[in-house]
Every structure is written in structure tokens, then in C-alpha cells.
């Protein structure tokens, strides 16, 4: 599995919707259901957490290791979670209008393709991956 994982496939679904929604918002002057203050808080928190996780996974990837500490100690895919729960909703709330369903398009694509990434990780890391999946949630921490 390449470093970007399923990001290109997810982007294939989410980016065209985002572009169309943004264009239609401008063209049709849609600005309903905007919450820029809340959106900015979510965006800021998401970007900070994303940078932290990205830094950790980049180092582990270069070493060829399965990262199971830090951001990855409770959730197997924290970057996907951060994008789907903080960054994209924050962006959507800031823009409003037809941009609001963007996180839904993102999650539909992530759920559709995540199995491919997990299969590749299982093949690469074997038992270490299987043990890791038993104690961590896919997108949210286990209770």
C-alpha cells in the first residue's frame, strides 16, 4: 500500500462534489446554514491534530513500522477520522449551503474503500496488525 492509502479513491468522490457545491453556492448565492465560528473551531482543531498525526505516521512509514502509539494508540485511522469529523465538517459549516453534505460523501467513500487499505496492512504486518485491530477502533476509540 502506498503512503496515501485510499486518499486518491476517496478524493475521486469527495472533491468533485465539493467543487460543484462550491460553484453552485457562488452561482446561486446560497449562504444558508452557515456557522463560521463553529466551523473555524473545528477546522483549527482538525488541522492541528492532522499535522500531529501526519508527522507520526510519516516517520513510521519511512521506517516500515506499524504505528500503534500516539494518535494511533486508540484509533486505527485517526487521519481519516480527523478529516471526516473535524476538517470537512468545519469547512462545510464555514461555507454552508450545498457544501453541508460534503462530509457524508467523504464518509461513504471512506467506508467503501477502507477494507482495501486494511487488507494491505494485514498482508504487510500480519499478526501485529491483527492484534492491533483487536484493541483499537477503526475510526473512533472503543468504549
N, C-alpha and C. Protein backbone atom coordinates (compact mmCIF):
# COMPACT_ATOMS: atom_id res chain seq x y z
N UNK A 1 0.86 -1.18 0.00
CA UNK A 1 0.00 0.00 0.00
C UNK A 1 0.89 1.23 0.00
N UNK A 2 0.55 2.15 -0.83
CA UNK A 2 1.29 3.41 -0.90
C UNK A 2 0.98 4.28 0.32
N UNK A 3 1.81 5.27 0.51
CA UNK A 3 1.67 6.15 1.67
C UNK A 3 0.29 6.80 1.73
N UNK A 4 -0.26 7.19 0.59
CA UNK A 4 -1.56 7.88 0.59
C UNK A 4 -2.75 6.95 0.83
N UNK A 5 -2.53 5.66 0.82
CA UNK A 5 -3.62 4.73 1.10
C UNK A 5 -4.78 4.91 0.13
N UNK A 6 -5.97 5.07 0.68
CA UNK A 6 -7.18 5.21 -0.14
C UNK A 6 -7.53 6.66 -0.45
N UNK A 7 -6.68 7.58 -0.08
CA UNK A 7 -6.96 9.00 -0.29
C UNK A 7 -7.30 9.33 -1.75
N UNK A 8 -6.55 8.82 -2.74
CA UNK A 8 -6.94 9.15 -4.13
C UNK A 8 -8.35 8.68 -4.48
N UNK A 9 -8.74 7.50 -4.02
CA UNK A 9 -10.08 6.99 -4.32
C UNK A 9 -11.15 7.80 -3.61
N UNK A 10 -10.92 8.14 -2.36
CA UNK A 10 -11.88 8.95 -1.61
C UNK A 10 -12.00 10.33 -2.25
N UNK A 11 -10.88 10.88 -2.65
CA UNK A 11 -10.88 12.20 -3.30
C UNK A 11 -11.66 12.19 -4.60
N UNK A 12 -11.61 11.07 -5.31
CA UNK A 12 -12.33 10.94 -6.58
C UNK A 12 -13.83 11.17 -6.39
N UNK A 13 -14.35 10.84 -5.20
CA UNK A 13 -15.77 11.06 -4.90
C UNK A 13 -16.04 12.40 -4.22
N UNK A 14 -15.21 12.75 -3.25
CA UNK A 14 -15.49 13.94 -2.44
C UNK A 14 -15.13 15.25 -3.14
N UNK A 15 -14.02 15.28 -3.85
CA UNK A 15 -13.56 16.54 -4.46
C UNK A 15 -14.51 17.05 -5.55
N UNK A 16 -14.99 16.20 -6.47
CA UNK A 16 -15.95 16.71 -7.46
C UNK A 16 -17.22 17.27 -6.81
N UNK A 17 -17.71 16.59 -5.76
CA UNK A 17 -18.89 17.14 -5.08
C UNK A 17 -18.56 18.49 -4.47
N UNK A 18 -17.41 18.60 -3.80
CA UNK A 18 -17.03 19.86 -3.16
C UNK A 18 -16.93 20.97 -4.20
N UNK A 19 -16.31 20.68 -5.34
CA UNK A 19 -16.18 21.69 -6.40
C UNK A 19 -17.53 22.14 -6.93
N UNK A 20 -18.40 21.18 -7.20
CA UNK A 20 -19.74 21.50 -7.70
C UNK A 20 -20.54 22.29 -6.66
N UNK A 21 -20.50 21.85 -5.42
CA UNK A 21 -21.23 22.55 -4.36
C UNK A 21 -20.72 23.97 -4.19
N UNK A 22 -19.41 24.13 -4.20
CA UNK A 22 -18.83 25.46 -4.05
C UNK A 22 -19.24 26.36 -5.21
N UNK A 23 -19.17 25.82 -6.43
CA UNK A 23 -19.58 26.57 -7.61
C UNK A 23 -21.05 26.97 -7.53
N UNK A 24 -21.91 26.03 -7.20
CA UNK A 24 -23.35 26.33 -7.12
C UNK A 24 -23.66 27.31 -6.00
N UNK A 25 -22.96 27.19 -4.88
CA UNK A 25 -23.16 28.16 -3.80
C UNK A 25 -22.87 29.58 -4.30
N UNK A 26 -21.76 29.73 -5.02
CA UNK A 26 -21.41 31.06 -5.54
C UNK A 26 -22.39 31.51 -6.62
N UNK A 27 -22.67 30.61 -7.54
CA UNK A 27 -23.53 30.94 -8.69
C UNK A 27 -24.95 31.28 -8.28
N UNK A 28 -25.48 30.50 -7.33
CA UNK A 28 -26.88 30.68 -6.90
C UNK A 28 -26.99 31.52 -5.63
N UNK A 29 -25.86 32.01 -5.15
CA UNK A 29 -25.81 32.85 -3.96
C UNK A 29 -26.42 32.15 -2.74
N UNK A 30 -26.09 30.87 -2.57
CA UNK A 30 -26.55 30.11 -1.40
C UNK A 30 -25.62 30.40 -0.24
N UNK A 31 -26.17 30.83 0.84
CA UNK A 31 -25.37 31.05 2.04
C UNK A 31 -26.15 30.65 3.28
N UNK A 32 -27.09 29.73 3.11
CA UNK A 32 -27.91 29.30 4.25
C UNK A 32 -27.14 28.32 5.12
N UNK A 33 -27.53 28.27 6.36
CA UNK A 33 -26.94 27.37 7.35
C UNK A 33 -25.42 27.48 7.43
N UNK A 34 -24.97 28.70 7.56
CA UNK A 34 -23.54 28.94 7.76
C UNK A 34 -23.28 29.16 9.24
N UNK A 35 -22.25 28.54 9.74
CA UNK A 35 -21.83 28.70 11.13
C UNK A 35 -20.32 28.89 11.15
N UNK A 36 -19.84 30.05 10.70
CA UNK A 36 -18.40 30.24 10.53
C UNK A 36 -17.59 30.14 11.83
N UNK A 37 -18.14 30.55 12.95
CA UNK A 37 -17.38 30.47 14.20
C UNK A 37 -17.15 29.01 14.59
N UNK A 38 -18.20 28.21 14.57
CA UNK A 38 -18.07 26.79 14.88
C UNK A 38 -17.19 26.10 13.85
N UNK A 39 -17.39 26.43 12.58
CA UNK A 39 -16.57 25.86 11.53
C UNK A 39 -15.09 26.15 11.72
N UNK A 40 -14.77 27.37 12.11
CA UNK A 40 -13.37 27.74 12.33
C UNK A 40 -12.75 26.98 13.48
N UNK A 41 -13.51 26.77 14.54
CA UNK A 41 -13.01 26.00 15.69
C UNK A 41 -12.71 24.56 15.26
N UNK A 42 -13.67 23.95 14.54
CA UNK A 42 -13.46 22.57 14.07
C UNK A 42 -12.27 22.49 13.11
N UNK A 43 -12.17 23.43 12.19
CA UNK A 43 -11.05 23.45 11.24
C UNK A 43 -9.71 23.58 11.95
N UNK A 44 -9.62 24.51 12.88
CA UNK A 44 -8.37 24.74 13.60
C UNK A 44 -7.96 23.50 14.38
N UNK A 45 -8.89 22.94 15.15
CA UNK A 45 -8.58 21.72 15.92
C UNK A 45 -8.19 20.59 14.97
N UNK A 46 -8.91 20.45 13.88
CA UNK A 46 -8.64 19.38 12.93
C UNK A 46 -7.27 19.51 12.29
N UNK A 47 -6.91 20.70 11.90
CA UNK A 47 -5.61 20.90 11.24
C UNK A 47 -4.46 20.62 12.21
N UNK A 48 -4.60 21.07 13.44
CA UNK A 48 -3.55 20.81 14.45
C UNK A 48 -3.40 19.31 14.67
N UNK A 49 -4.52 18.61 14.87
CA UNK A 49 -4.46 17.16 15.09
C UNK A 49 -3.95 16.42 13.86
N UNK A 50 -4.38 16.85 12.69
CA UNK A 50 -3.93 16.22 11.45
C UNK A 50 -2.42 16.34 11.30
N UNK A 51 -1.88 17.53 11.56
CA UNK A 51 -0.43 17.72 11.46
C UNK A 51 0.33 16.82 12.44
N UNK A 52 -0.20 16.70 13.64
CA UNK A 52 0.42 15.82 14.64
C UNK A 52 0.42 14.37 14.16
N UNK A 53 -0.73 13.89 13.70
CA UNK A 53 -0.83 12.50 13.23
C UNK A 53 0.00 12.28 11.98
N UNK A 54 -0.02 13.24 11.08
CA UNK A 54 0.75 13.12 9.83
C UNK A 54 2.24 12.99 10.14
N UNK A 55 2.70 13.77 11.07
CA UNK A 55 4.12 13.71 11.46
C UNK A 55 4.47 12.33 12.00
N UNK A 56 3.59 11.79 12.86
CA UNK A 56 3.85 10.48 13.45
C UNK A 56 3.83 9.37 12.40
N UNK A 57 2.84 9.37 11.52
CA UNK A 57 2.73 8.28 10.54
C UNK A 57 3.82 8.40 9.49
N UNK A 58 4.25 9.59 9.16
CA UNK A 58 5.33 9.76 8.17
C UNK A 58 6.61 9.09 8.65
N UNK A 59 6.95 9.30 9.92
CA UNK A 59 8.15 8.70 10.47
C UNK A 59 8.05 7.17 10.49
N UNK A 60 6.92 6.66 10.92
CA UNK A 60 6.73 5.21 10.97
C UNK A 60 6.75 4.60 9.57
N UNK A 61 6.15 5.27 8.61
CA UNK A 61 6.12 4.76 7.24
C UNK A 61 7.53 4.67 6.65
N UNK A 62 8.33 5.70 6.89
CA UNK A 62 9.70 5.70 6.39
C UNK A 62 10.52 4.55 6.99
N UNK A 63 10.21 4.20 8.24
CA UNK A 63 10.92 3.09 8.90
C UNK A 63 10.31 1.74 8.58
N UNK A 64 9.15 1.74 7.93
CA UNK A 64 8.48 0.48 7.60
C UNK A 64 7.82 -0.17 8.80
N UNK A 65 7.42 0.63 9.77
CA UNK A 65 6.83 0.12 11.01
C UNK A 65 5.32 0.36 11.05
N UNK A 66 4.63 -0.50 11.77
CA UNK A 66 3.22 -0.30 12.06
C UNK A 66 3.13 0.63 13.27
N UNK A 67 2.52 1.77 13.10
CA UNK A 67 2.41 2.74 14.19
C UNK A 67 1.21 2.38 15.06
N UNK A 68 1.48 2.14 16.35
CA UNK A 68 0.41 1.78 17.28
C UNK A 68 0.44 2.64 18.54
N UNK A 69 1.21 3.72 18.49
CA UNK A 69 1.31 4.62 19.64
C UNK A 69 0.85 6.02 19.22
N UNK A 70 0.83 6.93 20.16
CA UNK A 70 0.44 8.32 19.86
C UNK A 70 -0.98 8.39 19.34
N UNK A 71 -1.17 9.10 18.24
CA UNK A 71 -2.50 9.25 17.64
C UNK A 71 -3.11 7.90 17.27
N UNK A 72 -2.26 6.93 17.02
CA UNK A 72 -2.71 5.62 16.56
C UNK A 72 -2.89 4.62 17.69
N UNK A 73 -2.83 5.06 18.93
CA UNK A 73 -2.95 4.12 20.05
C UNK A 73 -4.39 3.69 20.33
N UNK A 74 -5.36 4.49 19.95
CA UNK A 74 -6.77 4.17 20.22
C UNK A 74 -7.60 3.99 18.96
N UNK A 75 -7.12 4.54 17.84
CA UNK A 75 -7.88 4.53 16.58
C UNK A 75 -6.93 4.12 15.46
N UNK A 76 -7.37 3.19 14.61
CA UNK A 76 -6.51 2.71 13.52
C UNK A 76 -6.34 3.74 12.40
N UNK A 77 -7.34 4.57 12.20
CA UNK A 77 -7.30 5.53 11.09
C UNK A 77 -7.64 6.95 11.58
N UNK A 78 -6.81 7.51 12.46
CA UNK A 78 -7.16 8.83 13.01
C UNK A 78 -7.17 9.94 11.97
N UNK A 79 -6.36 9.84 10.94
CA UNK A 79 -6.34 10.91 9.93
C UNK A 79 -7.67 10.94 9.18
N UNK A 80 -8.18 9.78 8.81
CA UNK A 80 -9.50 9.75 8.15
C UNK A 80 -10.57 10.30 9.09
N UNK A 81 -10.47 9.95 10.37
CA UNK A 81 -11.44 10.45 11.35
C UNK A 81 -11.36 11.96 11.51
N UNK A 82 -10.15 12.47 11.58
CA UNK A 82 -9.97 13.92 11.73
C UNK A 82 -10.56 14.66 10.53
N UNK A 83 -10.29 14.15 9.33
CA UNK A 83 -10.85 14.80 8.14
C UNK A 83 -12.37 14.71 8.14
N UNK A 84 -12.91 13.55 8.50
CA UNK A 84 -14.36 13.35 8.42
C UNK A 84 -15.16 13.92 9.57
N UNK A 85 -14.52 14.15 10.72
CA UNK A 85 -15.25 14.65 11.89
C UNK A 85 -14.90 16.09 12.27
N UNK A 86 -13.79 16.59 11.78
CA UNK A 86 -13.38 17.95 12.14
C UNK A 86 -13.15 18.84 10.92
N UNK A 87 -12.23 18.46 10.04
CA UNK A 87 -11.83 19.35 8.95
C UNK A 87 -12.96 19.57 7.95
N UNK A 88 -13.50 18.50 7.38
CA UNK A 88 -14.56 18.68 6.38
C UNK A 88 -15.84 19.25 6.97
N UNK A 89 -16.28 18.79 8.15
CA UNK A 89 -17.45 19.46 8.74
C UNK A 89 -17.18 20.93 9.06
N UNK A 90 -15.97 21.25 9.52
CA UNK A 90 -15.63 22.64 9.79
C UNK A 90 -15.67 23.49 8.54
N UNK A 91 -15.08 22.97 7.48
CA UNK A 91 -15.11 23.65 6.19
C UNK A 91 -16.56 23.81 5.71
N UNK A 92 -17.34 22.75 5.82
CA UNK A 92 -18.73 22.77 5.37
C UNK A 92 -19.57 23.77 6.16
N UNK A 93 -19.36 23.82 7.47
CA UNK A 93 -20.12 24.77 8.28
C UNK A 93 -19.70 26.21 8.00
N UNK A 94 -18.45 26.42 7.67
CA UNK A 94 -17.98 27.76 7.35
C UNK A 94 -18.59 28.26 6.04
N UNK A 95 -18.64 27.39 5.04
CA UNK A 95 -19.17 27.75 3.72
C UNK A 95 -20.70 27.70 3.71
N UNK A 96 -21.26 26.65 4.32
CA UNK A 96 -22.72 26.48 4.37
C UNK A 96 -23.31 26.06 3.04
N UNK A 97 -24.61 26.19 2.94
CA UNK A 97 -25.32 25.88 1.69
C UNK A 97 -25.14 24.45 1.25
N UNK A 98 -24.86 24.28 -0.02
CA UNK A 98 -24.74 22.95 -0.62
C UNK A 98 -23.46 22.23 -0.21
N UNK A 99 -22.59 22.91 0.51
CA UNK A 99 -21.36 22.28 0.98
C UNK A 99 -21.62 21.39 2.21
N UNK A 100 -22.75 21.57 2.87
CA UNK A 100 -23.03 20.83 4.10
C UNK A 100 -23.00 19.31 3.94
N UNK A 101 -23.45 18.72 2.83
CA UNK A 101 -23.38 17.25 2.70
C UNK A 101 -21.99 16.69 2.39
N UNK A 102 -21.00 17.53 2.21
CA UNK A 102 -19.66 17.06 1.86
C UNK A 102 -19.14 15.96 2.80
N UNK A 103 -19.25 16.09 4.12
CA UNK A 103 -18.75 15.00 4.98
C UNK A 103 -19.45 13.66 4.71
N UNK A 104 -20.70 13.70 4.33
CA UNK A 104 -21.41 12.46 4.00
C UNK A 104 -20.78 11.78 2.78
N UNK A 105 -20.48 12.55 1.74
CA UNK A 105 -19.82 11.99 0.55
C UNK A 105 -18.46 11.40 0.93
N UNK A 106 -17.75 12.10 1.78
CA UNK A 106 -16.44 11.64 2.24
C UNK A 106 -16.57 10.30 2.97
N UNK A 107 -17.48 10.23 3.95
CA UNK A 107 -17.61 9.00 4.74
C UNK A 107 -18.10 7.82 3.91
N UNK A 108 -18.99 8.06 2.96
CA UNK A 108 -19.43 6.97 2.09
C UNK A 108 -18.24 6.38 1.32
N UNK A 109 -17.37 7.24 0.84
CA UNK A 109 -16.19 6.77 0.11
C UNK A 109 -15.20 6.08 1.04
N UNK A 110 -14.96 6.64 2.21
CA UNK A 110 -14.01 6.03 3.15
C UNK A 110 -14.48 4.64 3.55
N UNK A 111 -15.74 4.52 3.92
CA UNK A 111 -16.28 3.22 4.33
C UNK A 111 -16.22 2.22 3.17
N UNK A 112 -16.46 2.70 1.97
CA UNK A 112 -16.43 1.82 0.79
C UNK A 112 -15.03 1.27 0.52
N UNK A 113 -13.97 2.07 0.73
CA UNK A 113 -12.62 1.67 0.34
C UNK A 113 -11.69 1.27 1.48
N UNK A 114 -12.08 1.47 2.72
CA UNK A 114 -11.15 1.22 3.84
C UNK A 114 -10.73 -0.24 3.92
N UNK A 115 -11.58 -1.15 3.48
CA UNK A 115 -11.23 -2.56 3.51
C UNK A 115 -9.98 -2.87 2.69
N UNK A 116 -9.80 -2.17 1.58
CA UNK A 116 -8.61 -2.36 0.74
C UNK A 116 -7.34 -2.00 1.51
N UNK A 117 -7.40 -0.89 2.21
CA UNK A 117 -6.23 -0.45 2.97
C UNK A 117 -5.94 -1.41 4.11
N UNK A 118 -6.99 -1.84 4.80
CA UNK A 118 -6.79 -2.75 5.92
C UNK A 118 -6.29 -4.12 5.45
N UNK A 119 -6.72 -4.56 4.30
CA UNK A 119 -6.22 -5.83 3.74
C UNK A 119 -4.73 -5.71 3.46
N UNK A 120 -4.31 -4.61 2.86
CA UNK A 120 -2.89 -4.40 2.57
C UNK A 120 -2.07 -4.34 3.86
N UNK A 121 -2.60 -3.70 4.89
CA UNK A 121 -1.90 -3.63 6.17
C UNK A 121 -1.80 -5.01 6.81
N UNK A 122 -2.86 -5.80 6.71
CA UNK A 122 -2.84 -7.16 7.26
C UNK A 122 -1.80 -8.02 6.54
N UNK A 123 -1.71 -7.87 5.23
CA UNK A 123 -0.71 -8.63 4.47
C UNK A 123 0.71 -8.21 4.83
N UNK A 124 0.89 -6.93 5.06
CA UNK A 124 2.24 -6.43 5.35
C UNK A 124 2.69 -6.72 6.78
N UNK A 125 1.75 -6.54 7.75
CA UNK A 125 2.15 -6.64 9.16
C UNK A 125 1.63 -7.88 9.87
N UNK A 126 0.80 -8.68 9.22
CA UNK A 126 0.37 -9.97 9.76
C UNK A 126 -0.24 -9.93 11.14
N UNK A 127 0.33 -10.75 12.04
CA UNK A 127 -0.20 -10.88 13.39
C UNK A 127 -0.16 -9.58 14.18
N UNK A 128 0.85 -8.77 13.94
CA UNK A 128 0.94 -7.48 14.63
C UNK A 128 -0.28 -6.62 14.30
N UNK A 129 -0.69 -6.63 13.02
CA UNK A 129 -1.88 -5.88 12.60
C UNK A 129 -3.14 -6.46 13.24
N UNK A 130 -3.27 -7.79 13.22
CA UNK A 130 -4.47 -8.42 13.79
C UNK A 130 -4.62 -8.11 15.27
N UNK A 131 -3.53 -8.15 16.01
CA UNK A 131 -3.58 -7.81 17.44
C UNK A 131 -3.97 -6.35 17.64
N UNK A 132 -3.42 -5.51 16.82
CA UNK A 132 -3.72 -4.07 16.88
C UNK A 132 -5.20 -3.81 16.63
N UNK A 133 -5.79 -4.51 15.66
CA UNK A 133 -7.21 -4.29 15.34
C UNK A 133 -8.11 -4.77 16.47
N UNK A 134 -7.65 -5.72 17.26
CA UNK A 134 -8.47 -6.22 18.38
C UNK A 134 -8.61 -5.19 19.49
N UNK A 135 -7.62 -4.32 19.63
CA UNK A 135 -7.66 -3.37 20.74
C UNK A 135 -7.97 -1.92 20.33
N UNK A 136 -8.09 -1.66 19.03
CA UNK A 136 -8.37 -0.29 18.60
C UNK A 136 -9.60 -0.25 17.71
N UNK A 137 -10.31 0.86 17.78
CA UNK A 137 -11.44 1.09 16.89
C UNK A 137 -10.97 1.54 15.52
N UNK A 138 -11.82 1.36 14.56
CA UNK A 138 -11.46 1.73 13.18
C UNK A 138 -11.37 3.24 13.03
N UNK A 139 -12.43 3.95 13.41
CA UNK A 139 -12.47 5.41 13.26
C UNK A 139 -12.70 6.15 14.57
N UNK A 140 -13.23 5.46 15.55
CA UNK A 140 -13.48 6.04 16.88
C UNK A 140 -12.91 5.09 17.94
N UNK A 141 -12.46 5.62 19.07
CA UNK A 141 -11.96 4.73 20.12
C UNK A 141 -13.05 3.77 20.60
N UNK A 142 -12.64 2.58 20.96
CA UNK A 142 -13.58 1.60 21.52
C UNK A 142 -13.90 1.98 22.96
N UNK A 143 -15.12 1.71 23.34
CA UNK A 143 -15.55 2.03 24.72
C UNK A 143 -15.14 0.90 25.64
